[in-house]
Amino acid sequence: QVQLVESGGGLVQPGGSLRLSCAASGSIASIYAIGWYRQAPGTQRDLVAFITSIGSAVYADSVKGRFTISRDNAKNTVYLQMNSLKPEDTAVYYCNMVGGSWGQGTQVTVSS
């Protein structure tokens, strides 16, 4: 089974940007959908966005217009470009696919 590994998190000021990467151990071309999720302390893990194999994307209302999900099948990587970051975006971000296992995630902290 393809394994996914997240990277790219960090500390950023409000209004700043980050790009997260989700690197796969194998080909993602045939994977129907890969999603980004996030979990803040004391809360449940929520879907942020997902992208299908044909490039269709769906976003949570809270990130529409600020985040962009994309996939590069040649690099077996899915990205999450996050702009206009807010303190409430602070969370551990994970990528996953249907039937996949959860990785370590990458911490995003938005703070001045």
N, C-alpha and C. Protein backbone atom coordinates (compact mmCIF):
# COMPACT_ATOMS: atom_id res chain seq x y z
N GLN A 1 0.84 -1.19 0.00
CA GLN A 1 0.00 0.00 0.00
C GLN A 1 0.89 1.25 0.00
N VAL A 2 0.45 2.26 -0.71
CA VAL A 2 1.20 3.52 -0.77
C VAL A 2 1.16 4.20 0.59
N GLN A 3 2.32 4.64 1.03
CA GLN A 3 2.43 5.40 2.27
C GLN A 3 2.60 6.88 1.94
N LEU A 4 2.01 7.73 2.79
CA LEU A 4 2.06 9.17 2.58
C LEU A 4 2.80 9.83 3.74
N VAL A 5 3.67 10.79 3.44
CA VAL A 5 4.44 11.49 4.45
C VAL A 5 4.28 12.99 4.27
N GLU A 6 3.88 13.65 5.36
CA GLU A 6 3.64 15.09 5.32
C GLU A 6 4.90 15.88 5.69
N SER A 7 5.05 17.06 5.11
CA SER A 7 6.14 17.96 5.48
C SER A 7 5.76 19.39 5.12
N GLY A 8 6.56 20.34 5.61
CA GLY A 8 6.36 21.72 5.22
C GLY A 8 5.76 22.62 6.28
N GLY A 9 5.40 22.06 7.42
CA GLY A 9 4.82 22.88 8.46
C GLY A 9 5.84 23.79 9.11
N GLY A 10 5.34 24.66 9.99
CA GLY A 10 6.24 25.57 10.69
C GLY A 10 5.47 26.65 11.40
N LEU A 11 6.22 27.64 11.85
CA LEU A 11 5.65 28.80 12.55
C LEU A 11 5.57 29.96 11.56
N VAL A 12 4.40 30.57 11.48
CA VAL A 12 4.21 31.68 10.55
C VAL A 12 3.33 32.72 11.22
N GLN A 13 3.54 33.97 10.85
CA GLN A 13 2.72 35.04 11.40
C GLN A 13 1.36 35.09 10.72
N PRO A 14 0.37 35.63 11.41
CA PRO A 14 -0.95 35.79 10.77
C PRO A 14 -0.81 36.56 9.46
N GLY A 15 -1.53 36.08 8.44
CA GLY A 15 -1.44 36.68 7.12
C GLY A 15 -0.37 36.07 6.24
N GLY A 16 0.45 35.22 6.81
CA GLY A 16 1.53 34.59 6.07
C GLY A 16 1.08 33.37 5.28
N SER A 17 2.06 32.72 4.65
CA SER A 17 1.78 31.58 3.79
C SER A 17 2.71 30.41 4.11
N LEU A 18 2.22 29.22 3.83
CA LEU A 18 3.01 28.00 3.91
C LEU A 18 2.55 27.06 2.81
N ARG A 19 3.44 26.21 2.35
CA ARG A 19 3.05 25.15 1.43
C ARG A 19 3.41 23.81 2.04
N LEU A 20 2.41 22.99 2.23
CA LEU A 20 2.61 21.65 2.75
C LEU A 20 2.75 20.67 1.60
N SER A 21 3.55 19.63 1.82
CA SER A 21 3.73 18.58 0.83
C SER A 21 3.34 17.24 1.41
N CYS A 22 2.77 16.41 0.58
CA CYS A 22 2.38 15.04 0.96
C CYS A 22 3.02 14.12 -0.07
N ALA A 23 4.14 13.52 0.31
CA ALA A 23 4.91 12.70 -0.61
C ALA A 23 4.51 11.23 -0.47
N ALA A 24 4.25 10.60 -1.60
CA ALA A 24 3.82 9.20 -1.61
C ALA A 24 5.00 8.27 -1.91
N SER A 25 4.93 7.07 -1.36
CA SER A 25 5.99 6.08 -1.56
C SER A 25 5.86 5.38 -2.91
N GLY A 26 4.73 5.59 -3.58
CA GLY A 26 4.50 5.00 -4.88
C GLY A 26 3.64 5.91 -5.72
N SER A 27 3.16 5.38 -6.82
CA SER A 27 2.37 6.18 -7.74
C SER A 27 1.02 6.57 -7.14
N ILE A 28 0.65 7.82 -7.34
CA ILE A 28 -0.65 8.29 -6.88
C ILE A 28 -1.63 8.46 -8.03
N ALA A 29 -1.20 8.16 -9.22
CA ALA A 29 -2.02 8.44 -10.40
C ALA A 29 -3.38 7.75 -10.35
N SER A 30 -3.41 6.57 -9.78
CA SER A 30 -4.67 5.81 -9.76
C SER A 30 -5.45 5.97 -8.46
N ILE A 31 -4.93 6.75 -7.55
CA ILE A 31 -5.64 6.97 -6.28
C ILE A 31 -6.73 7.99 -6.52
N TYR A 32 -7.98 7.58 -6.25
CA TYR A 32 -9.12 8.44 -6.60
C TYR A 32 -9.05 9.80 -5.92
N ALA A 33 -8.81 9.80 -4.61
CA ALA A 33 -8.81 11.07 -3.89
C ALA A 33 -7.81 11.04 -2.76
N ILE A 34 -7.11 12.14 -2.59
CA ILE A 34 -6.21 12.33 -1.47
C ILE A 34 -6.61 13.62 -0.79
N GLY A 35 -6.69 13.56 0.53
CA GLY A 35 -7.17 14.72 1.27
C GLY A 35 -6.17 15.22 2.28
N TRP A 36 -6.31 16.49 2.63
CA TRP A 36 -5.60 17.10 3.75
C TRP A 36 -6.60 17.27 4.89
N TYR A 37 -6.16 16.93 6.08
CA TYR A 37 -6.97 17.03 7.28
C TYR A 37 -6.17 17.81 8.33
N ARG A 38 -6.85 18.29 9.34
CA ARG A 38 -6.14 18.96 10.43
C ARG A 38 -6.82 18.69 11.75
N GLN A 39 -6.00 18.73 12.78
CA GLN A 39 -6.50 18.49 14.12
C GLN A 39 -5.81 19.43 15.10
N ALA A 40 -6.61 20.28 15.71
CA ALA A 40 -6.12 21.18 16.74
C ALA A 40 -6.25 20.50 18.10
N PRO A 41 -5.48 20.89 19.09
CA PRO A 41 -5.56 20.25 20.40
C PRO A 41 -6.99 20.27 20.96
N GLY A 42 -7.43 19.12 21.41
CA GLY A 42 -8.74 19.02 22.03
C GLY A 42 -9.90 18.98 21.06
N THR A 43 -9.61 18.87 19.77
CA THR A 43 -10.68 18.83 18.78
C THR A 43 -10.56 17.58 17.93
N GLN A 44 -11.59 17.32 17.14
CA GLN A 44 -11.55 16.17 16.24
C GLN A 44 -10.78 16.53 14.98
N ARG A 45 -10.35 15.50 14.26
CA ARG A 45 -9.66 15.70 13.00
C ARG A 45 -10.70 16.03 11.92
N ASP A 46 -10.48 17.11 11.22
CA ASP A 46 -11.43 17.57 10.21
C ASP A 46 -10.80 17.60 8.83
N LEU A 47 -11.64 17.39 7.83
CA LEU A 47 -11.19 17.49 6.45
C LEU A 47 -10.99 18.96 6.08
N VAL A 48 -9.85 19.26 5.48
CA VAL A 48 -9.57 20.62 5.00
C VAL A 48 -9.87 20.73 3.51
N ALA A 49 -9.39 19.76 2.75
CA ALA A 49 -9.59 19.76 1.30
C ALA A 49 -9.23 18.38 0.76
N PHE A 50 -9.81 18.02 -0.37
CA PHE A 50 -9.36 16.83 -1.06
C PHE A 50 -9.36 17.09 -2.55
N ILE A 51 -8.56 16.27 -3.25
CA ILE A 51 -8.44 16.40 -4.69
C ILE A 51 -8.56 15.02 -5.31
N THR A 52 -9.30 14.94 -6.42
CA THR A 52 -9.51 13.66 -7.08
C THR A 52 -8.42 13.41 -8.12
N SER A 53 -8.47 12.23 -8.69
CA SER A 53 -7.45 11.85 -9.68
C SER A 53 -7.53 12.69 -10.95
N ILE A 54 -8.67 13.33 -11.19
CA ILE A 54 -8.79 14.18 -12.37
C ILE A 54 -8.62 15.65 -12.02
N GLY A 55 -8.25 15.91 -10.77
CA GLY A 55 -7.93 17.28 -10.38
C GLY A 55 -9.06 18.09 -9.81
N SER A 56 -10.21 17.49 -9.60
CA SER A 56 -11.31 18.22 -8.96
C SER A 56 -11.01 18.37 -7.48
N ALA A 57 -11.29 19.56 -6.96
CA ALA A 57 -10.97 19.84 -5.56
C ALA A 57 -12.20 20.30 -4.79
N VAL A 58 -12.24 19.92 -3.54
CA VAL A 58 -13.30 20.34 -2.63
C VAL A 58 -12.65 20.88 -1.38
N TYR A 59 -13.21 21.97 -0.85
CA TYR A 59 -12.62 22.65 0.31
C TYR A 59 -13.63 22.81 1.43
N ALA A 60 -13.12 22.79 2.66
CA ALA A 60 -13.96 23.17 3.79
C ALA A 60 -14.26 24.66 3.68
N ASP A 61 -15.42 25.06 4.15
CA ASP A 61 -15.81 26.46 4.07
C ASP A 61 -14.80 27.38 4.74
N SER A 62 -14.19 26.91 5.80
CA SER A 62 -13.28 27.74 6.58
C SER A 62 -11.99 28.10 5.84
N VAL A 63 -11.68 27.38 4.76
CA VAL A 63 -10.42 27.64 4.05
C VAL A 63 -10.65 28.06 2.60
N LYS A 64 -11.88 28.09 2.15
CA LYS A 64 -12.16 28.47 0.76
C LYS A 64 -11.61 29.86 0.47
N GLY A 65 -10.94 29.97 -0.67
CA GLY A 65 -10.38 31.25 -1.07
C GLY A 65 -9.01 31.53 -0.48
N ARG A 66 -8.58 30.72 0.47
CA ARG A 66 -7.26 30.92 1.10
C ARG A 66 -6.32 29.75 0.82
N PHE A 67 -6.85 28.55 0.78
CA PHE A 67 -6.03 27.36 0.58
C PHE A 67 -6.27 26.81 -0.82
N THR A 68 -5.21 26.21 -1.39
CA THR A 68 -5.32 25.56 -2.68
C THR A 68 -4.64 24.20 -2.62
N ILE A 69 -5.37 23.17 -2.99
CA ILE A 69 -4.81 21.83 -3.04
C ILE A 69 -4.47 21.51 -4.49
N SER A 70 -3.34 20.82 -4.68
CA SER A 70 -2.94 20.43 -6.02
C SER A 70 -2.20 19.10 -5.95
N ARG A 71 -2.08 18.45 -7.09
CA ARG A 71 -1.34 17.20 -7.12
C ARG A 71 -0.43 17.16 -8.32
N ASP A 72 0.75 16.58 -8.14
CA ASP A 72 1.71 16.39 -9.21
C ASP A 72 1.95 14.88 -9.32
N ASN A 73 1.26 14.25 -10.24
CA ASN A 73 1.37 12.79 -10.36
C ASN A 73 2.78 12.36 -10.75
N ALA A 74 3.49 13.20 -11.47
CA ALA A 74 4.87 12.84 -11.87
C ALA A 74 5.80 12.77 -10.67
N LYS A 75 5.51 13.60 -9.67
CA LYS A 75 6.33 13.61 -8.45
C LYS A 75 5.67 12.84 -7.32
N ASN A 76 4.50 12.26 -7.60
CA ASN A 76 3.78 11.51 -6.56
C ASN A 76 3.60 12.34 -5.29
N THR A 77 3.19 13.57 -5.48
CA THR A 77 3.08 14.49 -4.35
C THR A 77 1.80 15.32 -4.46
N VAL A 78 1.18 15.53 -3.33
CA VAL A 78 0.02 16.41 -3.22
C VAL A 78 0.43 17.59 -2.35
N TYR A 79 0.03 18.78 -2.77
CA TYR A 79 0.41 20.00 -2.06
C TYR A 79 -0.81 20.69 -1.46
N LEU A 80 -0.56 21.46 -0.42
CA LEU A 80 -1.58 22.35 0.12
C LEU A 80 -0.95 23.72 0.30
N GLN A 81 -1.29 24.64 -0.58
CA GLN A 81 -0.82 26.02 -0.48
C GLN A 81 -1.77 26.77 0.44
N MET A 82 -1.22 27.31 1.50
CA MET A 82 -2.04 28.00 2.50
C MET A 82 -1.64 29.47 2.55
N ASN A 83 -2.57 30.34 2.21
CA ASN A 83 -2.33 31.78 2.22
C ASN A 83 -3.25 32.45 3.24
N SER A 84 -2.92 33.67 3.57
CA SER A 84 -3.73 34.45 4.52
C SER A 84 -4.03 33.64 5.78
N LEU A 85 -3.01 33.05 6.32
CA LEU A 85 -3.18 32.18 7.48
C LEU A 85 -3.66 32.94 8.70
N LYS A 86 -4.49 32.26 9.48
CA LYS A 86 -5.09 32.82 10.68
C LYS A 86 -4.67 31.97 11.89
N PRO A 87 -4.71 32.54 13.08
CA PRO A 87 -4.37 31.74 14.27
C PRO A 87 -5.23 30.48 14.39
N GLU A 88 -6.47 30.55 13.95
CA GLU A 88 -7.34 29.37 14.03
C GLU A 88 -6.97 28.27 13.04
N ASP A 89 -6.01 28.52 12.17
CA ASP A 89 -5.50 27.47 11.29
C ASP A 89 -4.44 26.62 11.98
N THR A 90 -4.05 27.02 13.17
CA THR A 90 -3.04 26.27 13.92
C THR A 90 -3.55 24.86 14.21
N ALA A 91 -2.77 23.87 13.81
CA ALA A 91 -3.16 22.47 13.97
C ALA A 91 -2.04 21.58 13.44
N VAL A 92 -2.18 20.28 13.68
CA VAL A 92 -1.36 19.30 13.00
C VAL A 92 -2.10 18.92 11.72
N TYR A 93 -1.41 18.99 10.61
CA TYR A 93 -2.00 18.71 9.31
C TYR A 93 -1.55 17.33 8.82
N TYR A 94 -2.51 16.57 8.34
CA TYR A 94 -2.27 15.22 7.85
C TYR A 94 -2.79 15.09 6.42
N CYS A 95 -2.17 14.20 5.66
CA CYS A 95 -2.77 13.83 4.38
C CYS A 95 -3.10 12.33 4.46
N ASN A 96 -4.11 11.96 3.70
CA ASN A 96 -4.51 10.56 3.72
C ASN A 96 -5.41 10.29 2.52
N MET A 97 -5.63 9.02 2.26
CA MET A 97 -6.51 8.55 1.21
C MET A 97 -7.46 7.54 1.84
N VAL A 98 -8.49 7.19 1.13
CA VAL A 98 -9.47 6.21 1.63
C VAL A 98 -8.75 4.89 1.89
N GLY A 99 -8.91 4.39 3.10
CA GLY A 99 -8.28 3.13 3.45
C GLY A 99 -6.84 3.24 3.88
N GLY A 100 -6.32 4.45 3.90
CA GLY A 100 -4.93 4.65 4.28
C GLY A 100 -4.76 4.75 5.79
N SER A 101 -3.51 4.73 6.22
CA SER A 101 -3.23 4.87 7.64
C SER A 101 -2.72 6.29 7.90
N TRP A 102 -2.91 6.76 9.12
CA TRP A 102 -2.51 8.12 9.47
C TRP A 102 -1.02 8.17 9.78
N GLY A 103 -0.37 9.21 9.27
CA GLY A 103 1.05 9.43 9.54
C GLY A 103 1.24 10.34 10.73
N GLN A 104 2.45 10.90 10.82
CA GLN A 104 2.78 11.77 11.96
C GLN A 104 2.21 13.17 11.80
N GLY A 105 1.93 13.56 10.59
CA GLY A 105 1.44 14.90 10.36
C GLY A 105 2.55 15.93 10.42
N THR A 106 2.19 17.17 10.14
CA THR A 106 3.14 18.28 10.21
C THR A 106 2.47 19.44 10.94
N GLN A 107 3.18 20.00 11.89
CA GLN A 107 2.60 21.05 12.74
C GLN A 107 2.63 22.40 12.03
N VAL A 108 1.49 23.07 12.03
CA VAL A 108 1.39 24.43 11.54
C VAL A 108 0.95 25.31 12.70
N THR A 109 1.75 26.33 12.98
CA THR A 109 1.43 27.26 14.06
C THR A 109 1.38 28.67 13.49
N VAL A 110 0.25 29.32 13.66
CA VAL A 110 0.08 30.69 13.18
C VAL A 110 -0.01 31.60 14.40
N SER A 111 1.02 32.39 14.58
CA SER A 111 1.08 33.22 15.78
C SER A 111 2.04 34.38 15.55
N SER A 112 1.74 35.49 16.20
CA SER A 112 2.63 36.64 16.13
C SER A 112 3.60 36.62 17.31
